[in-house]
């Protein structure tokens, strides 16, 4: 179970984010904090927080200042920034300070779920030990972004594309748009749109399943699994 500390100056937003975390299998909220000082205190008090969802705009210090101080104190806790700060200076600073993911507010549950699931994949890869294949290295060093989805045209969400990618990767065989929709909670139309995008960019491959009558069923599989 991955223990998460949720840090946000807005108590309502903190509760919403905490509720989102609890909906993702394998994650549990260890505590909440609403200021930099409280966040650092909670890191000392909690038995074993693994991950911090860190807001940048806190009343006493910035979220990145908290990251610097927690590193100075020796806390080896992973960080995902969850913030409305979207200026590239802040994004670059987060990258340089070892922040693993950066999620811009506002976002739907699916956006946070995709980030958490990517983080869980990263943890499993690192905890396994031994040697790494190139795909493992790509996962580790691609933790700052979804990495496995193509540059998206306007109107497409990286988080949604990553949900569809995960559905294909986790499937034992090929999936239809309806099956992807059921797995991800997306509408069938949205699932179909993203599957076609992934197929056009070579990330997914299309197969046809012929029944007794009528049009063949379009089914998709992640390209690297073929």
Protein backbone atom coordinates (compact mmCIF):
# COMPACT_ATOMS: atom_id res chain seq x y z
CA UNK A 1 0.00 0.00 0.00
CA UNK A 2 1.44 3.38 -1.03
CA UNK A 3 0.94 5.99 1.70
CA UNK A 4 0.18 9.50 0.40
CA UNK A 5 0.40 12.89 2.10
CA UNK A 6 -1.94 15.42 0.45
CA UNK A 7 -0.76 19.04 0.70
CA UNK A 8 -3.03 21.89 -0.44
CA UNK A 9 -3.80 25.27 1.09
CA UNK A 10 -7.50 24.88 0.21
CA UNK A 11 -9.04 22.39 2.64
CA UNK A 12 -11.88 21.60 0.24
CA UNK A 13 -9.49 20.83 -2.60
CA UNK A 14 -7.36 18.73 -0.24
CA UNK A 15 -10.43 16.66 0.68
CA UNK A 16 -11.32 16.15 -2.99
CA UNK A 17 -7.76 15.10 -3.87
CA UNK A 18 -7.66 12.78 -0.87
CA UNK A 19 -10.93 11.19 -1.99
CA UNK A 20 -9.47 10.72 -5.47
CA UNK A 21 -6.39 9.00 -4.01
CA UNK A 22 -8.53 6.60 -1.98
CA UNK A 23 -10.33 5.53 -5.16
CA UNK A 24 -7.10 4.27 -6.78
CA UNK A 25 -6.25 0.67 -5.77
CA UNK A 26 -2.97 0.36 -3.93
CA UNK A 27 -3.00 3.92 -2.54
CA UNK A 28 -4.03 5.21 0.88
CA UNK A 29 -4.11 8.74 2.32
CA UNK A 30 -1.74 8.97 5.28
CA UNK A 31 -2.66 12.56 6.10
CA UNK A 32 -3.39 16.08 4.88
CA UNK A 33 -1.61 19.40 5.34
CA UNK A 34 -2.57 22.96 4.39
CA UNK A 35 0.68 24.90 4.80
CA UNK A 36 4.41 24.37 4.30
CA UNK A 37 5.06 24.17 8.03
CA UNK A 38 2.27 21.66 8.56
CA UNK A 39 3.48 19.58 5.61
CA UNK A 40 7.01 19.34 7.05
CA UNK A 41 5.61 18.53 10.47
CA UNK A 42 3.42 15.78 9.06
CA UNK A 43 6.42 14.27 7.30
CA UNK A 44 8.12 13.97 10.69
CA UNK A 45 5.02 12.60 12.44
CA UNK A 46 3.73 10.08 9.92
CA UNK A 47 5.26 6.61 10.11
CA UNK A 48 6.04 6.16 6.42
CA UNK A 49 4.69 8.52 3.78
CA UNK A 50 5.84 7.31 0.37
CA UNK A 51 4.46 10.07 -1.79
CA UNK A 52 3.43 13.72 -1.44
CA UNK A 53 0.83 15.41 -3.63
CA UNK A 54 2.26 18.91 -3.34
CA UNK A 55 0.49 22.17 -4.08
CA UNK A 56 2.84 25.00 -5.03
CA UNK A 57 0.85 27.96 -3.72
CA UNK A 58 0.97 27.59 0.07
CA UNK A 59 0.37 30.43 2.55
CA UNK A 60 3.83 30.42 4.17
CA UNK A 61 6.23 28.95 1.59
CA UNK A 62 6.06 27.58 -1.93
CA UNK A 63 5.62 23.88 -2.52
CA UNK A 64 9.06 23.71 -4.14
CA UNK A 65 10.57 25.32 -1.04
CA UNK A 66 9.02 22.48 0.95
CA UNK A 67 10.60 19.97 -1.44
CA UNK A 68 14.02 21.60 -0.92
CA UNK A 69 13.64 21.55 2.85
CA UNK A 70 12.43 17.95 3.01
CA UNK A 71 15.48 16.90 0.97
CA UNK A 72 17.74 18.87 3.31
CA UNK A 73 16.19 16.99 6.24
CA UNK A 74 16.86 13.67 4.54
CA UNK A 75 13.27 12.74 3.66
CA UNK A 76 13.41 10.44 0.63
CA UNK A 77 9.74 10.93 -0.21
CA UNK A 78 8.58 11.06 -3.81
CA UNK A 79 6.70 14.14 -5.02
CA UNK A 80 3.96 14.79 -7.53
CA UNK A 81 3.16 18.48 -7.94
CA UNK A 82 -0.59 19.12 -8.07
CA UNK A 83 -0.96 22.83 -8.67
CA UNK A 84 -2.40 25.65 -10.74
CA UNK A 85 1.13 26.99 -11.33
CA UNK A 86 1.77 26.51 -15.02
CA UNK A 87 4.63 28.94 -15.73
CA UNK A 88 7.62 27.18 -17.24
CA UNK A 89 10.01 28.59 -14.64
CA UNK A 90 8.17 26.66 -11.92
CA UNK A 91 7.84 23.56 -14.10
CA UNK A 92 11.59 23.60 -14.84
CA UNK A 93 12.42 24.10 -11.17
CA UNK A 94 10.22 21.13 -10.26
CA UNK A 95 11.98 19.00 -12.84
CA UNK A 96 15.41 19.95 -11.50
CA UNK A 97 14.37 19.18 -7.93
CA UNK A 98 13.40 15.62 -8.81
CA UNK A 99 9.62 16.00 -8.87
CA UNK A 100 8.34 12.88 -10.64
CA UNK A 101 5.04 14.16 -12.05
CA UNK A 102 3.38 17.54 -12.57
CA UNK A 103 -0.41 17.79 -12.75
CA UNK A 104 -1.99 21.15 -13.55
CA UNK A 105 -5.26 22.14 -11.87
CA UNK A 106 -8.09 21.79 -12.55
CA UNK A 107 -8.10 18.13 -13.50
CA UNK A 108 -10.58 15.22 -13.47
CA UNK A 109 -10.18 12.08 -11.40
CA UNK A 110 -8.87 10.27 -14.50
CA UNK A 111 -5.95 12.72 -14.70
CA UNK A 112 -4.77 12.02 -11.16
CA UNK A 113 -5.43 8.30 -11.50
CA UNK A 114 -3.15 8.14 -14.56
CA UNK A 115 -0.34 9.88 -12.65
CA UNK A 116 -0.70 7.60 -9.63
CA UNK A 117 -0.80 4.45 -11.73
CA UNK A 118 2.33 5.55 -13.60
CA UNK A 119 3.99 6.14 -10.24
CA UNK A 120 2.94 2.70 -9.01
CA UNK A 121 4.46 1.14 -12.14
CA UNK A 122 7.69 3.01 -11.43
CA UNK A 123 7.77 1.80 -7.82
CA UNK A 124 7.24 -1.81 -8.87
CA UNK A 125 10.05 -1.58 -11.41
CA UNK A 126 12.51 -0.09 -8.91
CA UNK A 127 11.52 -2.41 -6.06
CA UNK A 128 12.08 -5.45 -8.21
CA UNK A 129 15.85 -4.95 -8.15
CA UNK A 130 18.25 -6.76 -10.46
CA UNK A 131 19.07 -5.43 -13.91
CA UNK A 132 16.91 -3.26 -16.13
CA UNK A 133 15.80 -3.74 -19.71
CA UNK A 134 15.54 -0.67 -21.94
CA UNK A 135 11.77 -0.65 -21.42
CA UNK A 136 12.37 -0.46 -17.65
CA UNK A 137 14.82 2.41 -18.08
CA UNK A 138 12.35 4.20 -20.34
CA UNK A 139 9.70 3.88 -17.62
CA UNK A 140 12.04 5.19 -14.91
CA UNK A 141 13.32 8.16 -16.87
CA UNK A 142 9.95 8.80 -18.45
CA UNK A 143 8.29 9.31 -15.06
CA UNK A 144 8.10 13.07 -15.61
CA UNK A 145 5.49 12.60 -18.33
CA UNK A 146 3.31 9.97 -19.85
CA UNK A 147 6.08 9.38 -22.39
CA UNK A 148 4.42 6.37 -23.97
CA UNK A 149 1.74 8.34 -25.82
CA UNK A 150 2.42 10.45 -28.91
CA UNK A 151 2.32 14.23 -29.19
CA UNK A 152 -1.40 14.84 -29.21
CA UNK A 153 -3.39 17.06 -31.53
CA UNK A 154 -5.34 19.94 -30.07
CA UNK A 155 -8.39 18.82 -28.10
CA UNK A 156 -6.85 15.56 -26.89
CA UNK A 157 -5.87 14.89 -23.28
CA UNK A 158 -2.59 13.13 -22.39
CA UNK A 159 -4.26 11.71 -19.26
CA UNK A 160 -7.06 10.17 -21.34
CA UNK A 161 -4.59 8.79 -23.87
CA UNK A 162 -2.64 7.25 -21.01
CA UNK A 163 -5.80 5.61 -19.63
CA UNK A 164 -6.42 3.98 -22.99
CA UNK A 165 -2.76 2.95 -23.23
CA UNK A 166 -2.96 1.28 -19.82
CA UNK A 167 -6.12 -0.58 -20.73
CA UNK A 168 -4.36 -2.05 -23.78
CA UNK A 169 -1.19 -2.86 -21.87
CA UNK A 170 -3.06 -4.60 -19.04
CA UNK A 171 -5.27 -6.65 -21.36
CA UNK A 172 -4.45 -10.29 -22.02
CA UNK A 173 -5.50 -9.91 -25.64
CA UNK A 174 -7.02 -7.35 -27.98
CA UNK A 175 -9.80 -5.00 -26.88
CA UNK A 176 -12.73 -3.39 -28.61
CA UNK A 177 -13.67 0.26 -28.08
CA UNK A 178 -16.57 -0.87 -25.88
CA UNK A 179 -14.26 -2.98 -23.72
CA UNK A 180 -11.81 -0.08 -23.36
CA UNK A 181 -14.70 2.19 -22.40
CA UNK A 182 -15.83 -0.25 -19.70
CA UNK A 183 -12.27 -0.60 -18.37
CA UNK A 184 -11.52 3.14 -18.21
CA UNK A 185 -14.91 4.69 -17.49
CA UNK A 186 -14.78 6.67 -20.74
CA UNK A 187 -17.61 6.81 -23.24
CA UNK A 188 -17.39 4.41 -26.16
CA UNK A 189 -17.06 7.35 -28.57
CA UNK A 190 -14.13 8.81 -26.61
CA UNK A 191 -12.43 5.42 -26.34
CA UNK A 192 -12.84 4.89 -30.10
CA UNK A 193 -11.39 8.33 -30.87
CA UNK A 194 -8.26 7.73 -28.79
CA UNK A 195 -7.82 4.18 -30.09
CA UNK A 196 -7.86 5.50 -33.65
CA UNK A 197 -5.31 8.16 -32.68
CA UNK A 198 -2.98 5.57 -31.13
CA UNK A 199 -3.43 3.32 -34.16
CA UNK A 200 -2.60 6.16 -36.59
CA UNK A 201 0.60 6.99 -34.70
CA UNK A 202 1.75 3.37 -34.56
CA UNK A 203 1.29 2.93 -30.81
CA UNK A 204 -1.62 0.52 -31.17
CA UNK A 205 -2.43 -2.01 -33.87
CA UNK A 206 -5.84 -2.72 -35.33
CA UNK A 207 -7.14 -6.23 -35.92
CA UNK A 208 -10.47 -7.31 -37.30
CA UNK A 209 -12.65 -10.03 -35.80
CA UNK A 210 -15.21 -11.47 -38.19
CA UNK A 211 -18.47 -12.84 -36.87
CA UNK A 212 -21.21 -14.80 -38.56
CA UNK A 213 -22.68 -11.75 -40.19
CA UNK A 214 -22.39 -8.01 -40.39
CA UNK A 215 -19.37 -5.71 -40.20
CA UNK A 216 -16.14 -7.01 -38.61
CA UNK A 217 -15.40 -5.90 -35.05
CA UNK A 218 -12.44 -3.53 -34.70
CA UNK A 219 -10.07 -4.64 -31.95
CA UNK A 220 -6.86 -3.05 -30.73
CA UNK A 221 -3.66 -4.21 -29.08
CA UNK A 222 -0.66 -2.17 -27.86
CA UNK A 223 1.96 -2.33 -30.62
CA UNK A 224 4.89 -3.47 -28.45
CA UNK A 225 2.89 -6.53 -27.35
CA UNK A 226 2.51 -7.82 -30.88
